[in-house]
Protein backbone atom coordinates (compact mmCIF):
# COMPACT_ATOMS: atom_id res chain seq x y z
CA MET A 1 1.93 10.30 6.81
CA LYS A 2 3.67 7.42 5.45
CA ALA A 3 2.45 4.61 3.18
CA GLU A 4 4.34 1.33 2.91
CA ARG A 5 2.84 -2.49 1.00
CA ILE A 6 4.86 -4.85 3.52
CA THR A 7 5.18 -8.52 2.78
CA VAL A 8 3.62 -10.54 6.26
CA THR A 9 4.60 -14.19 6.29
CA THR A 10 4.46 -16.90 8.33
CA SER A 11 7.09 -15.24 11.16
CA ALA A 12 5.70 -12.37 12.67
CA THR A 13 6.10 -8.88 10.69
CA LYS A 14 6.50 -5.66 11.95
CA LEU A 15 3.75 -3.57 10.54
CA VAL A 16 4.01 -0.41 13.17
CA THR A 17 6.15 0.79 15.03
CA LYS A 18 5.23 3.67 17.28
CA GLY A 19 5.95 7.05 16.86
CA ASN A 20 4.89 9.92 18.76
CA ASP A 21 1.98 9.32 21.05
CA PRO A 22 -1.01 8.96 19.76
CA SER A 23 0.35 7.25 16.56
CA PRO A 24 -2.21 6.66 14.05
CA TRP A 25 -2.34 3.71 11.57
CA ILE A 26 -4.59 2.26 8.92
CA ILE A 27 -3.53 -1.04 7.30
CA ARG A 28 -5.77 -3.16 4.81
CA THR A 29 -5.60 -6.13 2.35
CA ASP A 30 -6.84 -6.40 -1.31
CA ALA A 31 -10.21 -8.38 -1.96
CA GLY A 32 -9.70 -12.03 -2.40
CA ALA A 33 -6.58 -11.54 0.33
CA ALA A 34 -5.87 -14.45 2.73
CA ASP A 35 -6.65 -13.70 6.32
CA VAL A 36 -3.71 -11.31 8.24
CA PHE A 37 -3.38 -12.20 11.98
CA LEU A 38 -2.14 -9.16 14.29
CA GLY A 39 -0.68 -8.94 17.78
CA GLY A 40 2.52 -8.59 18.85
CA ALA A 41 6.09 -9.51 18.45
CA ASP A 42 4.63 -12.99 19.03
CA VAL A 43 1.96 -13.20 17.46
CA THR A 44 0.43 -16.48 15.69
CA ALA A 45 -1.97 -17.68 13.46
CA ALA A 46 -3.89 -19.47 16.49
CA ASP A 47 -3.99 -16.53 18.71
CA GLY A 48 -3.67 -13.26 16.61
CA TYR A 49 -6.78 -10.74 16.21
CA ARG A 50 -7.81 -12.41 12.74
CA MET A 51 -7.69 -9.08 9.63
CA THR A 52 -10.02 -10.33 6.91
CA PRO A 53 -9.61 -9.27 2.91
CA ASP A 54 -10.65 -6.19 2.01
CA ARG A 55 -11.86 -4.70 5.67
CA PRO A 56 -9.78 -1.68 6.69
CA LEU A 57 -9.01 -1.40 10.34
CA SER A 58 -7.42 1.54 12.18
CA GLY A 59 -6.23 1.86 15.60
CA GLU A 60 -3.30 4.54 17.70
CA LEU A 61 -0.56 2.91 19.00
CA PHE A 62 0.77 4.50 22.85
CA GLY A 63 4.06 4.19 24.61
CA GLY A 64 6.48 1.96 22.40
CA GLU A 65 3.89 -0.69 21.12
CA GLU A 66 4.40 -2.28 17.81
CA LEU A 67 1.92 -3.68 15.56
CA TYR A 68 2.91 -7.20 14.09
CA GLY A 69 1.05 -9.14 11.24
CA THR A 70 1.54 -13.32 10.30
CA VAL A 71 -0.35 -15.70 7.89
CA THR A 72 -0.94 -19.13 8.01
CA ALA A 73 0.76 -20.12 4.41
CA GLY A 74 2.86 -18.17 2.04
CA THR A 75 2.99 -14.47 1.90
CA GLN A 76 0.07 -11.75 2.43
CA VAL A 77 1.36 -8.15 1.33
CA VAL A 78 -0.53 -5.55 3.58
CA GLN A 79 -0.93 -1.61 3.01
CA VAL A 80 -0.19 0.25 5.55
CA LEU A 81 -1.12 4.32 6.35
CA ARG A 82 0.46 5.72 9.50
CA ARG A 83 1.68 8.79 10.63
CA GLY A 84 5.87 9.28 10.57
CA GLY A 85 8.66 9.17 7.85
């Protein structure tokens, strides 16, 4: 497993890259943080899946998928735990 802290900006920021199938991941932000919107490389706040602060999300990636995040303003640190190195 690999743990990272990734700073998400108003541009789509890569959070998780597919490793070996399946490629599990867990992400979260701290309480009081800004919402982060999740999706593909073209994610926006208007169409992304809204991740609220201090509510961990988990999933798996398959077949070359990647997970991106964006915020509406400024930056937000996202904690990522994923398989791989």
